[in-house]
């Protein structure tokens, strides 16, 4: 299974396999529908590598592939 993460608004809203993930009022990542464990892990990796990395000025679409 592959997981595609696409930024809508950097640091605020992203889609993970078409599911909208956003920061709520207390700065926690939230999704309106249930995400699989694979999707959650891929988003955590994306957050570490891209969202929290000051070297990235513009966030890009990423695809994570599982083995």
PDB file of N, CA and C in Angstrom:
ATOM      1  N   UNK A   1       0.849  -1.181   0.000  1.00  0.00           N
ATOM      2  CA  UNK A   1       0.000   0.000   0.000  1.00  0.00           C
ATOM      3  C   UNK A   1       0.888   1.237   0.000  1.00  0.00           C
ATOM      4  N   UNK A   2       0.564   2.197  -0.823  1.00  0.00           N
ATOM      5  CA  UNK A   2       1.311   3.452  -0.813  1.00  0.00           C
ATOM      6  C   UNK A   2       0.439   4.543  -0.190  1.00  0.00           C
ATOM      7  N   UNK A   3       1.106   5.516   0.422  1.00  0.00           N
ATOM      8  CA  UNK A   3       0.426   6.626   1.081  1.00  0.00           C
ATOM      9  C   UNK A   3       0.890   7.914   0.419  1.00  0.00           C
ATOM     10  N   UNK A   4      -0.049   8.696  -0.085  1.00  0.00           N
ATOM     11  CA  UNK A   4       0.271   9.963  -0.730  1.00  0.00           C
ATOM     12  C   UNK A   4      -0.144  11.112   0.184  1.00  0.00           C
ATOM     13  N   UNK A   5       0.816  11.990   0.448  1.00  0.00           N
ATOM     14  CA  UNK A   5       0.570  13.161   1.290  1.00  0.00           C
ATOM     15  C   UNK A   5       0.762  14.400   0.439  1.00  0.00           C
ATOM     16  N   UNK A   6      -0.254  15.255   0.437  1.00  0.00           N
ATOM     17  CA  UNK A   6      -0.198  16.467  -0.378  1.00  0.00           C
ATOM     18  C   UNK A   6      -0.557  17.676   0.483  1.00  0.00           C
ATOM     19  N   UNK A   7       0.286  18.715   0.451  1.00  0.00           N
ATOM     20  CA  UNK A   7      -0.028  19.914   1.230  1.00  0.00           C
ATOM     21  C   UNK A   7      -1.154  20.721   0.590  1.00  0.00           C
ATOM     22  N   UNK A   8      -2.040  21.224   1.420  1.00  0.00           N
ATOM     23  CA  UNK A   8      -3.075  22.157   0.980  1.00  0.00           C
ATOM     24  C   UNK A   8      -2.649  23.555   1.429  1.00  0.00           C
ATOM     25  N   UNK A   9      -2.372  23.697   2.731  1.00  0.00           N
ATOM     26  CA  UNK A   9      -1.829  24.920   3.320  1.00  0.00           C
ATOM     27  C   UNK A   9      -0.673  24.501   4.212  1.00  0.00           C
ATOM     28  N   UNK A  10       0.548  24.915   3.874  1.00  0.00           N
ATOM     29  CA  UNK A  10       1.728  24.501   4.636  1.00  0.00           C
ATOM     30  C   UNK A  10       1.551  24.763   6.128  1.00  0.00           C
ATOM     31  N   UNK A  11       1.942  23.778   6.924  1.00  0.00           N
ATOM     32  CA  UNK A  11       1.886  23.816   8.396  1.00  0.00           C
ATOM     33  C   UNK A  11       0.471  23.801   8.966  1.00  0.00           C
ATOM     34  N   UNK A  12      -0.559  23.683   8.111  1.00  0.00           N
ATOM     35  CA  UNK A  12      -1.933  23.727   8.621  1.00  0.00           C
ATOM     36  C   UNK A  12      -2.824  22.605   8.114  1.00  0.00           C
ATOM     37  N   UNK A  13      -2.864  22.378   6.785  1.00  0.00           N
ATOM     38  CA  UNK A  13      -3.788  21.398   6.213  1.00  0.00           C
ATOM     39  C   UNK A  13      -3.074  20.556   5.156  1.00  0.00           C
ATOM     40  N   UNK A  14      -3.281  19.232   5.234  1.00  0.00           N
ATOM     41  CA  UNK A  14      -2.691  18.282   4.293  1.00  0.00           C
ATOM     42  C   UNK A  14      -3.739  17.227   3.965  1.00  0.00           C
ATOM     43  N   UNK A  15      -3.557  16.528   2.837  1.00  0.00           N
ATOM     44  CA  UNK A  15      -4.384  15.359   2.566  1.00  0.00           C
ATOM     45  C   UNK A  15      -3.494  14.131   2.624  1.00  0.00           C
ATOM     46  N   UNK A  16      -4.016  13.077   3.229  1.00  0.00           N
ATOM     47  CA  UNK A  16      -3.322  11.792   3.325  1.00  0.00           C
ATOM     48  C   UNK A  16      -4.249  10.773   2.675  1.00  0.00           C
ATOM     49  N   UNK A  17      -3.888  10.323   1.479  1.00  0.00           N
ATOM     50  CA  UNK A  17      -4.744   9.426   0.693  1.00  0.00           C
ATOM     51  C   UNK A  17      -6.169   9.973   0.577  1.00  0.00           C
ATOM     52  N   UNK A  18      -6.285  11.274   0.371  1.00  0.00           N
ATOM     53  CA  UNK A  18      -7.587  11.905   0.186  1.00  0.00           C
ATOM     54  C   UNK A  18      -8.295  12.290   1.473  1.00  0.00           C
ATOM     55  N   UNK A  19      -7.723  11.941   2.626  1.00  0.00           N
ATOM     56  CA  UNK A  19      -8.312  12.291   3.927  1.00  0.00           C
ATOM     57  C   UNK A  19      -7.670  13.585   4.414  1.00  0.00           C
ATOM     58  N   UNK A  20      -8.481  14.536   4.823  1.00  0.00           N
ATOM     59  CA  UNK A  20      -7.966  15.836   5.259  1.00  0.00           C
ATOM     60  C   UNK A  20      -7.443  15.762   6.684  1.00  0.00           C
ATOM     61  N   UNK A  21      -6.193  16.199   6.865  1.00  0.00           N
ATOM     62  CA  UNK A  21      -5.557  16.265   8.178  1.00  0.00           C
ATOM     63  C   UNK A  21      -5.239  17.733   8.431  1.00  0.00           C
ATOM     64  N   UNK A  22      -5.617  18.231   9.606  1.00  0.00           N
ATOM     65  CA  UNK A  22      -5.417  19.648   9.907  1.00  0.00           C
ATOM     66  C   UNK A  22      -5.020  19.821  11.363  1.00  0.00           C
ATOM     67  N   UNK A  23      -4.460  20.990  11.669  1.00  0.00           N
ATOM     68  CA  UNK A  23      -4.121  21.320  13.054  1.00  0.00           C
ATOM     69  C   UNK A  23      -5.346  21.930  13.712  1.00  0.00           C
ATOM     70  N   UNK A  24      -5.716  21.391  14.878  1.00  0.00           N
ATOM     71  CA  UNK A  24      -6.868  21.933  15.596  1.00  0.00           C
ATOM     72  C   UNK A  24      -6.447  23.133  16.444  1.00  0.00           C
ATOM     73  N   UNK A  25      -7.353  23.637  17.248  1.00  0.00           N
ATOM     74  CA  UNK A  25      -7.090  24.861  18.015  1.00  0.00           C
ATOM     75  C   UNK A  25      -6.004  24.703  19.071  1.00  0.00           C
ATOM     76  N   UNK A  26      -5.711  23.459  19.467  1.00  0.00           N
ATOM     77  CA  UNK A  26      -4.640  23.241  20.450  1.00  0.00           C
ATOM     78  C   UNK A  26      -3.380  22.682  19.780  1.00  0.00           C
ATOM     79  N   UNK A  27      -3.263  22.915  18.477  1.00  0.00           N
ATOM     80  CA  UNK A  27      -2.080  22.566  17.673  1.00  0.00           C
ATOM     81  C   UNK A  27      -1.770  21.075  17.628  1.00  0.00           C
ATOM     82  N   UNK A  28      -2.809  20.250  17.619  1.00  0.00           N
ATOM     83  CA  UNK A  28      -2.642  18.811  17.425  1.00  0.00           C
ATOM     84  C   UNK A  28      -3.180  18.454  16.047  1.00  0.00           C
ATOM     85  N   UNK A  29      -2.546  17.472  15.388  1.00  0.00           N
ATOM     86  CA  UNK A  29      -3.007  17.034  14.082  1.00  0.00           C
ATOM     87  C   UNK A  29      -4.265  16.192  14.255  1.00  0.00           C
ATOM     88  N   UNK A  30      -5.300  16.494  13.462  1.00  0.00           N
ATOM     89  CA  UNK A  30      -6.596  15.843  13.574  1.00  0.00           C
ATOM     90  C   UNK A  30      -7.109  15.481  12.186  1.00  0.00           C
ATOM     91  N   UNK A  31      -7.836  14.366  12.123  1.00  0.00           N
ATOM     92  CA  UNK A  31      -8.477  13.943  10.875  1.00  0.00           C
ATOM     93  C   UNK A  31      -9.937  13.638  11.189  1.00  0.00           C
ATOM     94  N   UNK A  32     -10.849  14.038  10.302  1.00  0.00           N
ATOM     95  CA  UNK A  32     -12.274  13.806  10.535  1.00  0.00           C
ATOM     96  C   UNK A  32     -12.656  12.338  10.425  1.00  0.00           C
ATOM     97  N   UNK A  33     -11.878  11.560   9.678  1.00  0.00           N
ATOM     98  CA  UNK A  33     -12.176  10.139   9.539  1.00  0.00           C
ATOM     99  C   UNK A  33     -10.978   9.320  10.025  1.00  0.00           C
ATOM    100  N   UNK A  34     -11.193   8.055  10.220  1.00  0.00           N
ATOM    101  CA  UNK A  34     -10.159   7.178  10.764  1.00  0.00           C
ATOM    102  C   UNK A  34      -9.051   6.942   9.730  1.00  0.00           C
ATOM    103  N   UNK A  35      -7.811   7.052  10.180  1.00  0.00           N
ATOM    104  CA  UNK A  35      -6.656   6.769   9.326  1.00  0.00           C
ATOM    105  C   UNK A  35      -6.083   5.413   9.713  1.00  0.00           C
ATOM    106  N   UNK A  36      -5.533   4.701   8.731  1.00  0.00           N
ATOM    107  CA  UNK A  36      -4.897   3.421   9.023  1.00  0.00           C
ATOM    108  C   UNK A  36      -3.574   3.667   9.734  1.00  0.00           C
ATOM    109  N   UNK A  37      -3.029   2.630  10.327  1.00  0.00           N
ATOM    110  CA  UNK A  37      -1.737   2.735  11.001  1.00  0.00           C
ATOM    111  C   UNK A  37      -0.656   3.149  10.016  1.00  0.00           C
ATOM    112  N   UNK A  38      -0.709   2.617   8.806  1.00  0.00           N
ATOM    113  CA  UNK A  38       0.267   2.964   7.772  1.00  0.00           C
ATOM    114  C   UNK A  38       0.185   4.447   7.431  1.00  0.00           C
ATOM    115  N   UNK A  39      -1.024   4.976   7.299  1.00  0.00           N
ATOM    116  CA  UNK A  39      -1.208   6.398   6.997  1.00  0.00           C
ATOM    117  C   UNK A  39      -0.703   7.272   8.143  1.00  0.00           C
ATOM    118  N   UNK A  40      -0.988   6.872   9.376  1.00  0.00           N
ATOM    119  CA  UNK A  40      -0.517   7.629  10.542  1.00  0.00           C
ATOM    120  C   UNK A  40       1.007   7.657  10.596  1.00  0.00           C
ATOM    121  N   UNK A  41       1.632   6.497  10.376  1.00  0.00           N
ATOM    122  CA  UNK A  41       3.095   6.427  10.409  1.00  0.00           C
ATOM    123  C   UNK A  41       3.718   7.253   9.291  1.00  0.00           C
ATOM    124  N   UNK A  42       3.134   7.200   8.100  1.00  0.00           N
ATOM    125  CA  UNK A  42       3.652   7.981   6.976  1.00  0.00           C
ATOM    126  C   UNK A  42       3.542   9.475   7.269  1.00  0.00           C
ATOM    127  N   UNK A  43       2.420   9.900   7.856  1.00  0.00           N
ATOM    128  CA  UNK A  43       2.262  11.322   8.169  1.00  0.00           C
ATOM    129  C   UNK A  43       3.249  11.754   9.251  1.00  0.00           C
ATOM    130  N   UNK A  44       3.493  10.906  10.251  1.00  0.00           N
ATOM    131  CA  UNK A  44       4.483  11.227  11.290  1.00  0.00           C
ATOM    132  C   UNK A  44       5.869  11.397  10.672  1.00  0.00           C
ATOM    133  N   UNK A  45       6.220  10.505   9.733  1.00  0.00           N
ATOM    134  CA  UNK A  45       7.510  10.621   9.045  1.00  0.00           C
ATOM    135  C   UNK A  45       7.579  11.901   8.222  1.00  0.00           C
ATOM    136  N   UNK A  46       6.487  12.235   7.531  1.00  0.00           N
ATOM    137  CA  UNK A  46       6.424  13.461   6.732  1.00  0.00           C
ATOM    138  C   UNK A  46       6.555  14.686   7.635  1.00  0.00           C
ATOM    139  N   UNK A  47       5.910  14.634   8.795  1.00  0.00           N
ATOM    140  CA  UNK A  47       5.988  15.751   9.740  1.00  0.00           C
ATOM    141  C   UNK A  47       7.431  15.965  10.197  1.00  0.00           C
ATOM    142  N   UNK A  48       8.122  14.884  10.526  1.00  0.00           N
ATOM    143  CA  UNK A  48       9.518  14.992  10.973  1.00  0.00           C
ATOM    144  C   UNK A  48      10.428  15.492   9.852  1.00  0.00           C
ATOM    145  N   UNK A  49      10.256  14.932   8.657  1.00  0.00           N
ATOM    146  CA  UNK A  49      11.173  15.222   7.554  1.00  0.00           C
ATOM    147  C   UNK A  49      10.883  16.535   6.836  1.00  0.00           C
ATOM    148  N   UNK A  50       9.621  16.923   6.739  1.00  0.00           N
ATOM    149  CA  UNK A  50       9.256  18.082   5.921  1.00  0.00           C
ATOM    150  C   UNK A  50       8.642  19.215   6.745  1.00  0.00           C
ATOM    151  N   UNK A  51       7.569  18.932   7.454  1.00  0.00           N
ATOM    152  CA  UNK A  51       6.830  19.993   8.147  1.00  0.00           C
ATOM    153  C   UNK A  51       7.696  20.690   9.190  1.00  0.00           C
ATOM    154  N   UNK A  52       8.430  19.917   9.984  1.00  0.00           N
ATOM    155  CA  UNK A  52       9.248  20.499  11.057  1.00  0.00           C
ATOM    156  C   UNK A  52      10.653  20.884  10.606  1.00  0.00           C
ATOM    157  N   UNK A  53      10.936  20.784   9.322  1.00  0.00           N
ATOM    158  CA  UNK A  53      12.257  21.088   8.791  1.00  0.00           C
ATOM    159  C   UNK A  53      12.271  22.516   8.231  1.00  0.00           C
ATOM    160  N   UNK A  54      13.002  23.427   8.872  1.00  0.00           N
ATOM    161  CA  UNK A  54      13.017  24.822   8.405  1.00  0.00           C
ATOM    162  C   UNK A  54      13.687  25.007   7.040  1.00  0.00           C
ATOM    163  N   UNK A  55      14.408  24.003   6.562  1.00  0.00           N
ATOM    164  CA  UNK A  55      15.055  24.105   5.255  1.00  0.00           C
ATOM    165  C   UNK A  55      14.030  24.058   4.117  1.00  0.00           C
ATOM    166  N   UNK A  56      12.850  23.487   4.369  1.00  0.00           N
ATOM    167  CA  UNK A  56      11.803  23.419   3.356  1.00  0.00           C
ATOM    168  C   UNK A  56      10.981  24.701   3.391  1.00  0.00           C
ATOM    169  N   UNK A  57      11.063  25.480   2.325  1.00  0.00           N
ATOM    170  CA  UNK A  57      10.282  26.712   2.226  1.00  0.00           C
ATOM    171  C   UNK A  57       8.870  26.402   1.733  1.00  0.00           C
ATOM    172  N   UNK A  58       8.761  25.500   0.764  1.00  0.00           N
ATOM    173  CA  UNK A  58       7.476  25.105   0.189  1.00  0.00           C
ATOM    174  C   UNK A  58       7.363  23.593   0.316  1.00  0.00           C
ATOM    175  N   UNK A  59       6.296  23.121   0.931  1.00  0.00           N
ATOM    176  CA  UNK A  59       6.115  21.687   1.114  1.00  0.00           C
ATOM    177  C   UNK A  59       5.644  21.053  -0.186  1.00  0.00           C
ATOM    178  N   UNK A  60       6.073  19.821  -0.430  1.00  0.00           N
ATOM    179  CA  UNK A  60       5.772  19.143  -1.679  1.00  0.00           C
ATOM    180  C   UNK A  60       4.967  17.879  -1.429  1.00  0.00           C
ATOM    181  N   UNK A  61       4.382  17.370  -2.496  1.00  0.00           N
ATOM    182  CA  UNK A  61       3.651  16.108  -2.451  1.00  0.00           C
ATOM    183  C   UNK A  61       4.654  14.980  -2.245  1.00  0.00           C
ATOM    184  N   UNK A  62       4.307  14.017  -1.402  1.00  0.00           N
ATOM    185  CA  UNK A  62       5.187  12.883  -1.131  1.00  0.00           C
ATOM    186  C   UNK A  62       4.392  11.596  -1.181  1.00  0.00           C
ATOM    187  N   UNK A  63       5.052  10.537  -1.631  1.00  0.00           N
ATOM    188  CA  UNK A  63       4.437   9.217  -1.648  1.00  0.00           C
ATOM    189  C   UNK A  63       5.322   8.264  -0.871  1.00  0.00           C
ATOM    190  N   UNK A  64       4.746   7.602   0.119  1.00  0.00           N
ATOM    191  CA  UNK A  64       5.452   6.610   0.923  1.00  0.00           C
ATOM    192  C   UNK A  64       4.955   5.238   0.505  1.00  0.00           C
ATOM    193  N   UNK A  65       5.886   4.349   0.206  1.00  0.00           N
ATOM    194  CA  UNK A  65       5.534   2.994  -0.210  1.00  0.00           C
ATOM    195  C   UNK A  65       5.922   2.014   0.880  1.00  0.00           C
ATOM    196  N   UNK A  66       5.023   1.087   1.169  1.00  0.00           N
ATOM    197  CA  UNK A  66       5.312   0.068   2.166  1.00  0.00           C
ATOM    198  C   UNK A  66       5.884  -1.159   1.479  1.00  0.00           C
ATOM    199  N   UNK A  67       6.587  -1.945   2.268  1.00  0.00           N
ATOM    200  CA  UNK A  67       7.221  -3.146   1.702  1.00  0.00           C
ATOM    201  C   UNK A  67       6.257  -4.291   1.649  1.00  0.00           C
TER     202      UNK A  67
END
